Structures are given as structure tokens and as C-alpha cells.
Protein backbone atom coordinates (compact mmCIF):
# COMPACT_ATOMS: atom_id res chain seq x y z
CA MET A 1 0.08 0.01 -0.02
CA THR A 2 1.24 3.37 -0.83
CA ARG A 3 1.75 5.92 2.09
CA ASP A 4 -0.64 9.06 1.66
CA MET A 5 0.61 11.81 4.14
CA GLU A 6 -2.76 13.47 4.03
CA LEU A 7 -4.41 10.40 5.31
CA PHE A 8 -1.55 9.95 7.86
CA ARG A 9 -2.28 13.53 9.05
CA ARG A 10 -6.00 12.85 9.26
CA VAL A 11 -5.43 9.72 11.37
CA LEU A 12 -3.35 11.64 13.84
CA ILE A 13 -6.22 14.25 14.01
CA GLU A 14 -8.88 11.53 14.62
CA ILE A 15 -6.70 9.90 17.42
CA GLU A 16 -6.29 13.29 19.14
CA GLN A 17 -10.03 13.35 19.60
CA ILE A 18 -10.15 10.15 21.67
CA PRO A 19 -11.10 10.78 25.23
CA PRO A 20 -8.28 10.08 27.88
CA GLY A 21 -8.04 6.39 28.89
CA GLN A 22 -10.23 5.09 26.02
CA TRP A 23 -9.30 2.72 23.24
CA LYS A 24 -11.21 3.54 19.95
CA ARG A 25 -11.35 2.23 16.44
CA ILE A 26 -10.84 5.22 13.99
CA GLU A 27 -13.00 5.68 11.02
CA ILE A 28 -12.70 8.33 8.38
CA GLN A 29 -15.37 8.89 5.82
CA ASP A 30 -14.50 7.97 2.36
CA GLU A 31 -11.31 5.95 3.41
CA ALA A 32 -10.98 2.31 3.32
CA PRO A 33 -10.65 0.62 6.77
CA GLU A 34 -7.49 -1.13 5.45
CA ALA A 35 -5.83 2.32 4.52
CA ILE A 36 -6.69 3.76 7.87
CA ARG A 37 -5.17 0.86 9.68
CA TYR A 38 -1.97 0.91 7.51
CA HIS A 39 -1.46 4.55 8.20
CA ALA A 40 -2.19 4.15 11.94
CA GLN A 41 0.40 1.37 12.00
CA LEU A 42 2.84 3.80 10.24
CA ALA A 43 2.10 6.47 12.81
CA ASP A 44 2.67 3.80 15.61
CA ASP A 45 5.93 2.83 14.02
CA ALA A 46 6.92 6.44 14.06
CA GLY A 47 6.18 6.77 17.74
CA LEU A 48 3.49 9.29 17.12
CA ILE A 49 0.54 7.11 18.61
CA GLU A 50 -0.23 4.40 20.96
CA ALA A 51 -2.34 1.75 19.38
CA ARG A 52 -3.01 -2.07 19.28
CA PHE A 53 -3.43 -3.96 16.14
CA MET A 54 -5.29 -7.20 15.76
CA ALA A 55 -2.89 -9.76 14.43
CA ASN A 56 -5.18 -11.75 11.97
CA SER A 57 -7.04 -8.58 10.59
CA THR A 58 -6.25 -6.15 7.87
CA THR A 59 -8.73 -3.56 9.24
CA GLU A 60 -9.07 -3.94 13.00
CA PHE A 61 -7.11 -1.90 15.52
CA ALA A 62 -7.74 0.38 18.41
CA ALA A 63 -5.99 3.58 19.17
CA ARG A 64 -5.50 5.19 22.56
CA ARG A 65 -3.83 8.53 22.26
CA LEU A 66 -1.14 10.62 20.62
CA THR A 67 2.33 10.47 22.21
CA TYR A 68 4.30 13.63 23.21
CA SER A 69 5.86 13.37 19.64
CA GLY A 70 2.64 12.85 18.13
CA HIS A 71 1.16 16.13 19.71
CA GLU A 72 4.31 17.98 18.63
CA PHE A 73 3.96 16.84 15.02
CA LEU A 74 0.33 17.50 14.88
CA ASP A 75 0.42 20.82 16.47
CA ALA A 76 2.89 21.81 13.58
CA ALA A 77 0.95 20.13 11.05
CA ARG A 78 -2.58 21.33 12.06
CA SER A 79 -2.64 24.31 10.10
CA ASP A 80 -3.45 23.61 6.42
CA THR A 81 -1.29 26.55 5.28
CA LEU A 82 1.75 25.56 7.36
CA TRP A 83 1.12 21.86 6.32
CA ALA A 84 1.02 22.76 2.51
CA LYS A 85 4.24 24.80 3.05
CA ALA A 86 6.10 22.19 4.75
CA LYS A 87 5.19 19.67 2.07
CA LYS A 88 6.26 21.97 -0.58
CA LYS A 89 9.53 22.59 1.10
CA MET A 90 10.13 18.92 1.38
CA LEU A 91 9.14 18.12 -2.20
CA ASP A 92 11.24 21.18 -3.54
CA SER A 93 14.22 20.18 -1.74
CA THR A 94 14.14 16.44 -1.73
CA GLY A 95 11.42 15.42 -4.12
CA VAL A 96 9.82 13.22 -1.53
CA LEU A 97 7.56 13.38 1.48
CA THR A 98 8.84 11.45 4.61
CA VAL A 99 7.67 11.67 8.21
CA GLU A 100 11.13 12.28 9.38
CA GLY A 101 11.52 15.06 6.83
CA LEU A 102 8.28 16.53 7.80
CA LYS A 103 9.33 16.61 11.36
CA LEU A 104 12.33 18.80 10.24
CA ALA A 105 10.54 20.85 7.76
CA LEU A 106 7.41 21.73 10.02
CA PRO A 107 9.44 23.61 12.76
CA GLU A 108 11.30 25.58 10.08
CA VAL A 109 7.98 26.73 8.46
CA VAL A 110 6.52 27.43 11.91
CA LYS A 111 9.58 29.47 12.75
CA ALA A 112 9.45 31.40 9.41
CA ALA A 113 5.76 32.17 10.02
CA LEU A 114 6.70 33.72 13.55
CA HIS A 115 9.18 35.98 11.87
CA HIS A 116 6.31 37.54 9.68
CA LEU A 117 4.27 38.54 12.76
């Protein structure tokens, strides 16, 4: 399955809404459950969320929360404008979008926005 950074971001936004102490299955309108689970697994691999994945299923998982790193990433990526600028910066400089690259680009974009205040 191909990684979709827009869906990756949407998964983080949905997980952020989970009430403290609860485990929840994430559903996103117009997205396949397999794609949502795959992107949740990527976010878990990156240390951005805490989730459990059912071993014999391509769709079942439960998420609990964003980690500290997940909150930091999402806080920088929440703004559509800053998100678009960070993605453009990554694509212009490297030609690819990676989570690690966006972790570096997002703070730079935020810092540049602060200089324009």
C-alpha cells in the first residue's frame, strides 16, 4: 500500500479526539478501513501514537492516544497553510515526502511564520 501523508495527518487528527483512557477504532469518511489501519501502523511505527493492532485482521485496530511526539508533530501540522508549506519545502528540496523530513520541515515553516508577525 502506498503511504498517503494526507491520510496520515487525518489519522493523527482523529486519534487526538479520543477521550483520555479510552481505546477507539478510527473511522474516516471515504477512506478504506485497510488504508486507515495501515496509516495508523505507520504512525505507531514512527512513535506518534499508541495503538493495538489485531494480528489476523487487515482492518481491526484500536488507538488510545497521541504520544508527546505525536502532539508535537500534529500541532505543527494542524494548520492547512503550514502543512502545505512544509510539504512543498520537502518536495522542492528532496522530491519526496517522509515523516522524518516533515518533522524537520514543519518547525522551520512555523519559525518562518513567526518572523512575519
